[in-house]
């Protein structure tokens, strides 16, 4: 079968689509014929060797966590799913960017028929990070929260979950995403020079919380705007977590099937949207990551094996 692998750190050029042995599901697992698997910015940092102190890499390495597909084989004693079932979820083995992947059933949920494959294959890293971020800042109805990169993979979900919590949401994003944000009920603002003044004006000077999904100084902006460190969460600025004592809660802190089922349910009910920017065949994985690295994506980029 075909799978994406790399055997040295570097840019997208190190990614290769290789013939590898078919994985065998262990007890408590199923083998999935992958239909869709999202790509994520953290995978770029891992592939470039920038996160070795946090998540070491054994080379050669596969990649990918999010996945959706059809159960092809059952591990010993497996009874929760049957061959032919459509499922979505995640694997911790960095192996979902492949034609086949084994995953524990405790990390999978049934895929509703009306949920497109590309959406179902995007429900772990970004939505879970958004869920954790909103939980970390403990929003109350009527409060005001700002979200950086508000139309990105994590931000686009975070703004919707914050609205569901009853907050007024200010979204910092490029102009091309303002109509989408406004349609969701978010107050869109341009990022860049003058953004502090724009946020002050939009919040009437009372900003209660800040969710940073981008890094690059947004935590410092939140502090400048008077937000308490305990009401700030960043998934990107690890130095600020240590320096300022802000939260750094991400997908792994809420990685359980209950959250997955909650997110799947919201999507199936039409109460949560996972925007899909583009899809790529597995053979074009390098180009998919070049597109993601531009950091202008609305929602997700997804590989379709």
Protein backbone atom coordinates (compact mmCIF):
# COMPACT_ATOMS: atom_id res chain seq x y z
CA UNK A 1 0.00 0.00 0.00
CA UNK A 2 1.03 3.65 -0.39
CA UNK A 3 1.94 5.89 2.55
CA UNK A 4 3.64 9.25 3.05
CA UNK A 5 6.99 9.01 4.84
CA UNK A 6 10.16 11.02 5.41
CA UNK A 7 13.59 9.88 6.58
CA UNK A 8 15.23 13.25 7.22
CA UNK A 9 14.06 16.60 8.59
CA UNK A 10 13.37 19.41 6.16
CA UNK A 11 10.82 21.09 3.92
CA UNK A 12 7.99 19.42 2.02
CA UNK A 13 10.50 18.07 -0.48
CA UNK A 14 11.52 15.37 2.06
CA UNK A 15 8.02 13.83 1.90
CA UNK A 16 7.78 10.74 -0.28
CA UNK A 17 4.88 8.49 -1.24
CA UNK A 18 6.24 5.00 -0.70
CA UNK A 19 5.16 1.39 -0.92
CA UNK A 20 5.04 0.05 2.63
CA UNK A 21 3.67 -3.13 4.24
CA UNK A 22 -0.02 -3.23 5.06
CA UNK A 23 -0.57 -2.49 8.76
CA UNK A 24 -2.21 -5.19 10.88
CA UNK A 25 -4.74 -4.10 13.52
CA UNK A 26 -3.96 -5.18 17.06
CA UNK A 27 -6.50 -6.11 19.71
CA UNK A 28 -8.79 -3.12 20.27
CA UNK A 29 -8.05 -1.72 16.82
CA UNK A 30 -9.48 -1.76 13.33
CA UNK A 31 -7.80 -1.38 9.96
CA UNK A 32 -9.26 1.53 7.99
CA UNK A 33 -9.22 2.16 4.25
CA UNK A 34 -8.58 5.89 4.49
CA UNK A 35 -10.87 8.14 2.48
CA UNK A 36 -9.69 11.49 3.89
CA UNK A 37 -6.96 12.73 6.21
CA UNK A 38 -6.41 16.39 7.12
CA UNK A 39 -2.99 18.02 7.32
CA UNK A 40 -1.99 20.33 10.17
CA UNK A 41 0.63 23.04 10.90
CA UNK A 42 2.07 21.01 13.77
CA UNK A 43 3.05 18.32 11.28
CA UNK A 44 5.19 20.90 9.49
CA UNK A 45 7.05 21.68 12.71
CA UNK A 46 7.53 17.97 13.46
CA UNK A 47 8.82 17.30 9.94
CA UNK A 48 11.24 20.22 10.24
CA UNK A 49 12.57 18.83 13.53
CA UNK A 50 11.36 21.80 15.58
CA UNK A 51 9.36 19.82 18.15
CA UNK A 52 11.82 17.07 19.02
CA UNK A 53 11.94 18.09 22.68
CA UNK A 54 8.17 17.66 22.93
CA UNK A 55 7.39 14.88 20.46
CA UNK A 56 10.50 12.96 19.33
CA UNK A 57 10.53 11.45 15.86
CA UNK A 58 11.79 8.01 14.93
CA UNK A 59 13.03 8.05 11.36
CA UNK A 60 11.84 6.99 8.88
CA UNK A 61 8.52 8.44 9.98
CA UNK A 62 5.02 8.50 8.66
CA UNK A 63 2.71 11.39 9.42
CA UNK A 64 -0.87 12.34 10.02
CA UNK A 65 -3.39 11.96 12.86
CA UNK A 66 -6.86 12.86 11.55
CA UNK A 67 -8.61 10.26 9.43
CA UNK A 68 -11.91 9.00 8.09
CA UNK A 69 -12.57 5.85 6.13
CA UNK A 70 -14.11 2.41 5.91
CA UNK A 71 -13.34 -0.42 8.30
CA UNK A 72 -11.53 -3.11 6.31
CA UNK A 73 -10.32 -5.52 9.01
CA UNK A 74 -10.97 -6.09 12.70
CA UNK A 75 -8.39 -6.61 15.41
CA UNK A 76 -8.71 -9.59 17.71
CA UNK A 77 -11.87 -9.46 19.79
CA UNK A 78 -13.18 -6.29 18.16
CA UNK A 79 -16.96 -5.98 18.32
CA UNK A 80 -17.73 -2.24 18.40
CA UNK A 81 -17.39 -1.86 14.64
CA UNK A 82 -17.97 -4.18 11.70
CA UNK A 83 -16.24 -4.52 8.35
CA UNK A 84 -17.70 -1.90 6.02
CA UNK A 85 -18.55 0.63 8.74
CA UNK A 86 -17.73 4.25 7.98
CA UNK A 87 -15.73 5.84 10.80
CA UNK A 88 -13.80 8.98 11.70
CA UNK A 89 -11.33 9.90 14.39
CA UNK A 90 -7.61 9.79 14.91
CA UNK A 91 -4.46 7.75 15.38
CA UNK A 92 -1.45 8.60 17.56
CA UNK A 93 0.99 6.72 15.32
CA UNK A 94 1.62 9.43 12.70
CA UNK A 95 0.30 7.19 9.97
CA UNK A 96 -3.01 8.51 8.62
CA UNK A 97 -1.54 9.96 5.42
CA UNK A 98 -1.78 6.59 3.77
CA UNK A 99 -4.16 4.30 1.94
CA UNK A 100 -4.59 2.15 5.06
CA UNK A 101 -4.18 2.93 8.76
CA UNK A 102 -4.83 1.05 11.99
CA UNK A 103 -6.51 2.97 14.80
CA UNK A 104 -7.87 2.11 18.27
CA UNK A 105 -11.64 1.90 18.41
CA UNK A 106 -11.56 4.15 21.51
CA UNK A 107 -10.44 6.95 19.14
CA UNK A 108 -13.14 6.41 16.51
CA UNK A 109 -16.78 7.34 16.04
CA UNK A 110 -19.33 6.39 13.41
CA UNK A 111 -19.37 8.79 10.46
CA UNK A 112 -22.88 10.08 9.77
CA UNK A 113 -23.90 9.51 6.14
CA UNK A 114 -24.47 13.21 5.44
CA UNK A 115 -21.03 14.33 6.66
CA UNK A 116 -18.63 14.59 3.67
CA UNK A 117 -15.45 12.54 3.79
CA UNK A 118 -13.19 15.58 3.72
CA UNK A 119 -14.97 17.01 6.78
CA UNK A 120 -15.01 13.68 8.62
CA UNK A 121 -11.27 13.38 8.02
CA UNK A 122 -10.61 16.73 9.75
CA UNK A 123 -12.14 16.27 13.19
CA UNK A 124 -9.22 15.72 15.55
CA UNK A 125 -6.31 18.16 15.67
CA UNK A 126 -8.03 21.44 14.79
CA UNK A 127 -11.52 20.95 16.30
CA UNK A 128 -10.09 19.44 19.48
CA UNK A 129 -7.62 22.32 19.85
CA UNK A 130 -10.50 24.76 19.39
CA UNK A 131 -12.59 22.88 21.96
CA UNK A 132 -9.69 22.93 24.46
CA UNK A 133 -9.04 26.62 23.85
CA UNK A 134 -12.62 27.67 24.48
CA UNK A 135 -12.72 25.51 27.60
CA UNK A 136 -9.44 26.98 28.86
CA UNK A 137 -10.64 30.59 28.79
CA UNK A 138 -13.87 29.68 30.63
CA UNK A 139 -16.27 31.88 28.71
CA UNK A 140 -19.47 33.09 30.31
CA UNK A 141 -22.54 34.35 28.41
CA UNK A 142 -22.18 38.03 27.56
CA UNK A 143 -18.38 38.10 27.74
CA UNK A 144 -16.19 39.29 24.88
CA UNK A 145 -13.41 37.11 23.43
CA UNK A 146 -10.97 37.77 20.59
CA UNK A 147 -9.57 35.00 18.40
CA UNK A 148 -6.45 35.32 16.26
CA UNK A 149 -6.34 33.64 12.83
CA UNK A 150 -10.08 33.37 13.28
CA UNK A 151 -10.73 31.69 9.93
CA UNK A 152 -7.88 29.18 10.10
CA UNK A 153 -8.20 25.49 10.88
CA UNK A 154 -8.46 25.99 14.65
CA UNK A 155 -9.78 29.54 14.68
CA UNK A 156 -12.74 28.80 12.41
CA UNK A 157 -13.98 26.22 14.90
CA UNK A 158 -13.04 28.20 18.01
CA UNK A 159 -15.16 31.20 16.97
CA UNK A 160 -18.20 28.97 16.48
CA UNK A 161 -17.76 27.21 19.83
CA UNK A 162 -17.24 30.56 21.57
CA UNK A 163 -20.48 31.84 20.06
CA UNK A 164 -22.24 28.70 21.32
CA UNK A 165 -20.94 29.57 24.79
CA UNK A 166 -22.85 32.87 24.58
CA UNK A 167 -19.84 35.14 24.05
CA UNK A 168 -19.44 38.08 21.72
CA UNK A 169 -16.62 37.03 19.40
CA UNK A 170 -14.09 39.29 17.69
CA UNK A 171 -12.21 37.54 14.91
CA UNK A 172 -8.84 38.77 13.62
CA UNK A 173 -8.47 37.59 10.04
CA UNK A 174 -7.64 38.64 6.50
CA UNK A 175 -10.21 40.65 4.58
CA UNK A 176 -11.11 37.72 2.33
CA UNK A 177 -12.48 35.87 5.37
CA UNK A 178 -14.53 38.70 6.84
CA UNK A 179 -17.76 37.81 5.03
CA UNK A 180 -17.54 34.19 6.24
CA UNK A 181 -16.93 35.33 9.83
CA UNK A 182 -19.69 37.91 9.70
CA UNK A 183 -22.10 35.27 8.41
CA UNK A 184 -21.30 33.16 11.49
CA UNK A 185 -22.05 36.06 13.84
CA UNK A 186 -18.43 37.05 14.49
CA UNK A 187 -17.20 40.67 14.48
CA UNK A 188 -14.40 40.52 11.88
CA UNK A 189 -11.35 42.76 12.19
CA UNK A 190 -8.26 43.07 10.03
CA UNK A 191 -5.02 41.98 11.66
CA UNK A 192 -1.78 43.94 11.46
CA UNK A 193 -0.94 47.57 12.25
CA UNK A 194 -3.55 49.20 14.45
CA UNK A 195 -5.21 45.96 15.50
CA UNK A 196 -5.03 46.81 19.22
CA UNK A 197 -7.05 49.99 18.64
CA UNK A 198 -9.54 48.11 16.47
CA UNK A 199 -10.07 45.45 19.15
CA UNK A 200 -10.52 48.10 21.85
CA UNK A 201 -13.13 49.85 19.77
CA UNK A 202 -15.00 46.65 18.88
CA UNK A 203 -15.03 45.47 22.52
CA UNK A 204 -15.87 48.89 23.99
CA UNK A 205 -12.64 48.60 25.94
CA UNK A 206 -13.70 45.46 27.81
CA UNK A 207 -12.05 42.33 26.42
CA UNK A 208 -12.55 39.36 28.75
CA UNK A 209 -10.60 36.60 27.03
CA UNK A 210 -8.25 35.87 24.15
CA UNK A 211 -7.69 32.71 22.11
CA UNK A 212 -4.44 32.69 20.13
CA UNK A 213 -4.31 30.14 17.32
CA UNK A 214 -1.44 31.71 15.39
CA UNK A 215 1.44 32.84 17.62
CA UNK A 216 3.70 35.72 16.60
CA UNK A 217 2.92 38.12 19.43
CA UNK A 218 -0.81 37.72 19.94
CA UNK A 219 -0.38 36.74 23.59
CA UNK A 220 1.48 40.01 24.18
CA UNK A 221 -1.34 41.81 22.38
CA UNK A 222 -3.86 40.20 24.73
CA UNK A 223 -1.87 41.33 27.77
CA UNK A 224 -1.63 44.85 26.29
CA UNK A 225 -5.41 44.82 25.93
CA UNK A 226 -5.79 44.09 29.63
CA UNK A 227 -6.75 40.40 29.47
CA UNK A 228 -5.75 38.36 32.53
CA UNK A 229 -3.21 35.61 31.75
CA UNK A 230 -5.70 33.11 33.17
CA UNK A 231 -8.16 34.07 30.42
CA UNK A 232 -5.66 33.63 27.58
CA UNK A 233 -4.98 30.39 25.71
CA UNK A 234 -2.40 29.87 22.98
CA UNK A 235 -1.77 26.77 20.91
CA UNK A 236 1.20 28.30 19.10
CA UNK A 237 3.31 30.53 21.37
CA UNK A 238 5.03 28.05 23.69
CA UNK A 239 7.49 30.67 24.94
CA UNK A 240 4.63 32.88 26.13
CA UNK A 241 3.21 30.02 28.18
CA UNK A 242 6.41 29.90 30.22
CA UNK A 243 7.04 33.65 30.20
CA UNK A 244 3.58 34.94 31.05
CA UNK A 245 1.78 32.03 32.66
CA UNK A 246 -1.01 31.84 30.08
CA UNK A 247 -2.78 28.61 29.22
CA UNK A 248 -1.42 26.32 26.52
CA UNK A 249 -4.23 23.80 26.25
CA UNK A 250 -4.47 21.93 22.95
CA UNK A 251 -5.98 18.90 21.32
CA UNK A 252 -4.26 16.25 23.44
CA UNK A 253 -5.81 17.56 26.68
CA UNK A 254 -9.31 16.78 25.40
CA UNK A 255 -8.42 13.73 23.30
CA UNK A 256 -11.28 11.40 24.08
CA UNK A 257 -14.04 9.83 22.05
CA UNK A 258 -16.72 11.74 23.97
CA UNK A 259 -15.46 15.03 22.54
CA UNK A 260 -15.23 13.44 19.08
CA UNK A 261 -18.85 12.30 19.26
CA UNK A 262 -19.94 15.75 20.47
CA UNK A 263 -18.22 17.42 17.52
CA UNK A 264 -19.59 14.87 15.05
CA UNK A 265 -23.07 15.44 16.45
CA UNK A 266 -22.84 19.20 16.06
CA UNK A 267 -21.69 18.85 12.45
CA UNK A 268 -24.41 16.33 11.61
CA UNK A 269 -27.02 18.67 13.11
CA UNK A 270 -25.77 21.60 11.02
CA UNK A 271 -24.67 23.50 14.15
CA UNK A 272 -20.92 23.48 13.40
CA UNK A 273 -19.06 23.97 10.12
CA UNK A 274 -15.58 22.69 9.29
CA UNK A 275 -14.56 24.82 6.29
CA UNK A 276 -12.54 22.96 3.66
CA UNK A 277 -10.13 25.16 1.72
CA UNK A 278 -8.77 22.52 -0.67
CA UNK A 279 -8.29 18.80 -1.16
CA UNK A 280 -5.29 17.06 -2.71
CA UNK A 281 -4.61 13.50 -3.79
CA UNK A 282 -2.06 11.67 -1.66
CA UNK A 283 0.52 11.92 -4.44
CA UNK A 284 0.43 15.73 -4.17
CA UNK A 285 1.25 15.82 -0.46
CA UNK A 286 4.21 18.14 -0.99
CA UNK A 287 2.04 20.73 -2.73
CA UNK A 288 -0.62 20.39 -0.02
CA UNK A 289 1.91 21.35 2.64
CA UNK A 290 3.28 24.21 0.57
CA UNK A 291 -0.25 25.59 0.42
CA UNK A 292 -0.72 25.13 4.17
CA UNK A 293 2.61 26.84 4.93
CA UNK A 294 1.30 30.08 3.40
CA UNK A 295 -0.88 30.36 6.55
CA UNK A 296 -3.77 31.87 4.62
CA UNK A 297 -6.05 28.83 4.66
CA UNK A 298 -9.71 29.13 5.62
CA UNK A 299 -10.40 25.96 7.53
CA UNK A 300 -8.72 22.75 6.47
CA UNK A 301 -6.61 21.23 3.71
CA UNK A 302 -7.28 17.53 3.29
CA UNK A 303 -5.55 14.62 1.57
CA UNK A 304 -7.77 12.14 -0.30
CA UNK A 305 -5.94 8.80 -0.64
